[in-house]
Amino acid sequence: MPGTADLSPDELLELLGDEYTRAVLEAVLDRPRSGAAVADATGVSRATAFRRLNDLAELGLVETEYHLDPDDGHHHKRYHAVIDTFSVTFGEEGFEVTVDTDGTRARDRVPARAPADD
């Protein structure tokens, strides 16, 4: 899946229009969580949670980190959102979708435009 700069507004809106994607994204907004913890927090299956997390990571809206569990010494992959705002505006030129991230990614602001239908 391409990064947000390569997606059309329709593709971004379709992805974020999915209720499972939104639930998964919301679950990692406040703190990093493992895929299993996201599934538990949202009530979606683990497969769905991991699929949506990977889609969001490929877009640059979610990043991964590895956490060392002090109890068992194992490394666990955790996900956290890097999105600050997602906005959609409509004007004479059509839809404009803007994604602002928290600066941990190379791109901080990624606008995308779709032309208005005549």
C-alpha atoms as a PDB file:
ATOM      1  CA  MET A   1       0.000   0.000   0.000  1.00  0.00           C
ATOM      2  CA  PRO A   2       1.405   3.443  -0.891  1.00  0.00           C
ATOM      3  CA  GLY A   3       2.076   6.264   1.568  1.00  0.00           C
ATOM      4  CA  THR A   4      -0.498   9.003   2.128  1.00  0.00           C
ATOM      5  CA  ALA A   5       1.134  11.232  -0.488  1.00  0.00           C
ATOM      6  CA  ASP A   6       0.392   8.587  -3.136  1.00  0.00           C
ATOM      7  CA  LEU A   7      -3.242   7.964  -2.202  1.00  0.00           C
ATOM      8  CA  SER A   8      -6.177   9.816  -3.663  1.00  0.00           C
ATOM      9  CA  PRO A   9      -8.617  11.463  -1.257  1.00  0.00           C
ATOM     10  CA  ASP A  10     -11.138   8.764  -2.199  1.00  0.00           C
ATOM     11  CA  GLU A  11      -8.704   6.023  -1.120  1.00  0.00           C
ATOM     12  CA  LEU A  12      -7.903   7.756   2.175  1.00  0.00           C
ATOM     13  CA  LEU A  13     -11.569   8.358   2.915  1.00  0.00           C
ATOM     14  CA  GLU A  14     -12.419   4.760   2.046  1.00  0.00           C
ATOM     15  CA  LEU A  15      -9.743   3.407   4.391  1.00  0.00           C
ATOM     16  CA  LEU A  16     -10.672   5.701   7.273  1.00  0.00           C
ATOM     17  CA  GLY A  17     -14.365   5.221   6.527  1.00  0.00           C
ATOM     18  CA  ASP A  18     -14.041   1.601   7.629  1.00  0.00           C
ATOM     19  CA  GLU A  19     -15.365   1.204  11.192  1.00  0.00           C
ATOM     20  CA  TYR A  20     -12.719  -1.380  12.113  1.00  0.00           C
ATOM     21  CA  THR A  21      -9.889   0.827  10.868  1.00  0.00           C
ATOM     22  CA  ARG A  22     -11.204   3.761  12.886  1.00  0.00           C
ATOM     23  CA  ALA A  23     -11.585   1.617  16.017  1.00  0.00           C
ATOM     24  CA  VAL A  24      -8.045   0.264  15.642  1.00  0.00           C
ATOM     25  CA  LEU A  25      -6.620   3.754  15.077  1.00  0.00           C
ATOM     26  CA  GLU A  26      -8.471   5.114  18.112  1.00  0.00           C
ATOM     27  CA  ALA A  27      -7.068   2.282  20.239  1.00  0.00           C
ATOM     28  CA  VAL A  28      -3.483   3.419  19.602  1.00  0.00           C
ATOM     29  CA  LEU A  29      -4.032   7.178  19.832  1.00  0.00           C
ATOM     30  CA  ASP A  30      -3.451   7.491  23.567  1.00  0.00           C
ATOM     31  CA  ARG A  31      -0.714   4.882  24.097  1.00  0.00           C
ATOM     32  CA  PRO A  32       1.233   2.162  22.294  1.00  0.00           C
ATOM     33  CA  ARG A  33      -0.446  -1.247  22.246  1.00  0.00           C
ATOM     34  CA  SER A  34       0.333  -4.671  20.887  1.00  0.00           C
ATOM     35  CA  GLY A  35      -1.858  -6.064  18.134  1.00  0.00           C
ATOM     36  CA  ALA A  36      -3.428  -8.468  20.632  1.00  0.00           C
ATOM     37  CA  ALA A  37      -4.165  -5.582  23.031  1.00  0.00           C
ATOM     38  CA  VAL A  38      -5.751  -3.621  20.168  1.00  0.00           C
ATOM     39  CA  ALA A  39      -7.954  -6.614  19.340  1.00  0.00           C
ATOM     40  CA  ASP A  40      -8.985  -6.914  22.989  1.00  0.00           C
ATOM     41  CA  ALA A  41      -9.671  -3.175  23.323  1.00  0.00           C
ATOM     42  CA  THR A  42     -11.754  -2.959  20.153  1.00  0.00           C
ATOM     43  CA  GLY A  43     -13.497  -6.318  20.082  1.00  0.00           C
ATOM     44  CA  VAL A  44     -12.252  -7.103  16.566  1.00  0.00           C
ATOM     45  CA  SER A  45     -10.493 -10.348  15.738  1.00  0.00           C
ATOM     46  CA  ARG A  46      -6.718 -10.434  16.030  1.00  0.00           C
ATOM     47  CA  ALA A  47      -6.408 -10.976  12.278  1.00  0.00           C
ATOM     48  CA  THR A  48      -8.523  -7.872  11.606  1.00  0.00           C
ATOM     49  CA  ALA A  49      -6.577  -5.809  14.155  1.00  0.00           C
ATOM     50  CA  PHE A  50      -3.214  -6.772  12.639  1.00  0.00           C
ATOM     51  CA  ARG A  51      -4.455  -6.227   9.069  1.00  0.00           C
ATOM     52  CA  ARG A  52      -5.738  -2.728   9.897  1.00  0.00           C
ATOM     53  CA  LEU A  53      -2.610  -1.859  11.903  1.00  0.00           C
ATOM     54  CA  ASN A  54      -0.412  -2.894   8.986  1.00  0.00           C
ATOM     55  CA  ASP A  55      -2.532  -0.840   6.546  1.00  0.00           C
ATOM     56  CA  LEU A  56      -2.254   2.199   8.818  1.00  0.00           C
ATOM     57  CA  ALA A  57       1.493   1.665   9.270  1.00  0.00           C
ATOM     58  CA  GLU A  58       2.037   1.506   5.513  1.00  0.00           C
ATOM     59  CA  LEU A  59       0.271   4.865   5.231  1.00  0.00           C
ATOM     60  CA  GLY A  60       2.494   6.400   7.888  1.00  0.00           C
ATOM     61  CA  LEU A  61      -0.414   6.993  10.283  1.00  0.00           C
ATOM     62  CA  VAL A  62       0.815   4.372  12.757  1.00  0.00           C
ATOM     63  CA  GLU A  63       4.377   3.416  13.675  1.00  0.00           C
ATOM     64  CA  THR A  64       5.762   0.365  15.398  1.00  0.00           C
ATOM     65  CA  GLU A  65       8.169   0.037  18.271  1.00  0.00           C
ATOM     66  CA  TYR A  66       9.579  -2.906  20.163  1.00  0.00           C
ATOM     67  CA  HIS A  67       9.075  -3.124  23.903  1.00  0.00           C
ATOM     68  CA  LEU A  68      11.138  -5.327  26.206  1.00  0.00           C
ATOM     69  CA  ASP A  69       8.927  -7.089  28.735  1.00  0.00           C
ATOM     70  CA  PRO A  70      10.800  -6.886  32.060  1.00  0.00           C
ATOM     71  CA  ASP A  71       9.032 -10.000  33.362  1.00  0.00           C
ATOM     72  CA  ASP A  72       9.900 -12.472  30.622  1.00  0.00           C
ATOM     73  CA  GLY A  73      12.633 -10.655  28.668  1.00  0.00           C
ATOM     74  CA  HIS A  74      10.768 -11.014  25.363  1.00  0.00           C
ATOM     75  CA  HIS A  75      10.464  -8.232  22.815  1.00  0.00           C
ATOM     76  CA  HIS A  76       6.914  -7.308  21.844  1.00  0.00           C
ATOM     77  CA  LYS A  77       5.908  -5.224  18.834  1.00  0.00           C
ATOM     78  CA  ARG A  78       3.655  -2.311  19.750  1.00  0.00           C
ATOM     79  CA  TYR A  79       1.840   0.201  17.576  1.00  0.00           C
ATOM     80  CA  HIS A  80       1.204   3.886  18.188  1.00  0.00           C
ATOM     81  CA  ALA A  81      -0.549   6.551  16.148  1.00  0.00           C
ATOM     82  CA  VAL A  82       1.467   9.467  14.808  1.00  0.00           C
ATOM     83  CA  ILE A  83      -1.521  11.322  13.400  1.00  0.00           C
ATOM     84  CA  ASP A  84      -2.512  14.634  14.963  1.00  0.00           C
ATOM     85  CA  THR A  85      -5.331  15.659  12.662  1.00  0.00           C
ATOM     86  CA  PHE A  86      -7.159  14.386   9.624  1.00  0.00           C
ATOM     87  CA  SER A  87      -9.327  16.930   7.854  1.00  0.00           C
ATOM     88  CA  VAL A  88     -11.520  16.976   4.779  1.00  0.00           C
ATOM     89  CA  THR A  89     -12.603  20.198   3.132  1.00  0.00           C
ATOM     90  CA  PHE A  90     -14.682  20.726   0.038  1.00  0.00           C
ATOM     91  CA  GLY A  91     -14.482  23.694  -2.277  1.00  0.00           C
ATOM     92  CA  GLU A  92     -14.635  24.668  -5.920  1.00  0.00           C
ATOM     93  CA  GLU A  93     -11.564  22.551  -6.655  1.00  0.00           C
ATOM     94  CA  GLY A  94     -13.089  19.438  -5.050  1.00  0.00           C
ATOM     95  CA  PHE A  95     -12.173  17.540  -1.905  1.00  0.00           C
ATOM     96  CA  GLU A  96      -8.959  18.244  -0.067  1.00  0.00           C
ATOM     97  CA  VAL A  97      -7.773  15.707   2.480  1.00  0.00           C
ATOM     98  CA  THR A  98      -5.011  16.770   4.859  1.00  0.00           C
ATOM     99  CA  VAL A  99      -3.217  14.494   7.307  1.00  0.00           C
ATOM    100  CA  ASP A 100      -0.987  16.061   9.958  1.00  0.00           C
ATOM    101  CA  THR A 101       1.337  13.783  11.898  1.00  0.00           C
ATOM    102  CA  ASP A 102       3.245  14.455  15.105  1.00  0.00           C
ATOM    103  CA  GLY A 103       6.576  14.930  13.367  1.00  0.00           C
ATOM    104  CA  THR A 104       8.062  11.504  13.994  1.00  0.00           C
ATOM    105  CA  ARG A 105       7.683  10.773  10.300  1.00  0.00           C
ATOM    106  CA  ALA A 106       9.605  12.438   7.478  1.00  0.00           C
ATOM    107  CA  ARG A 107       6.478  14.101   6.132  1.00  0.00           C
ATOM    108  CA  ASP A 108       4.565  16.311   8.538  1.00  0.00           C
ATOM    109  CA  ARG A 109       1.788  17.491   6.278  1.00  0.00           C
ATOM    110  CA  VAL A 110       0.438  15.525   3.346  1.00  0.00           C
ATOM    111  CA  PRO A 111      -2.286  17.207   1.284  1.00  0.00           C
ATOM    112  CA  ALA A 112      -4.163  15.291  -1.384  1.00  0.00           C
ATOM    113  CA  ARG A 113      -6.743  16.702  -3.792  1.00  0.00           C
ATOM    114  CA  ALA A 114      -9.586  15.293  -5.829  1.00  0.00           C
ATOM    115  CA  PRO A 115     -11.105  17.444  -8.578  1.00  0.00           C
ATOM    116  CA  ALA A 116     -14.727  18.516  -8.281  1.00  0.00           C
ATOM    117  CA  ASP A 117     -17.194  16.925 -10.675  1.00  0.00           C
ATOM    118  CA  ASP A 118     -18.602  19.344 -13.245  1.00  0.00           C
END
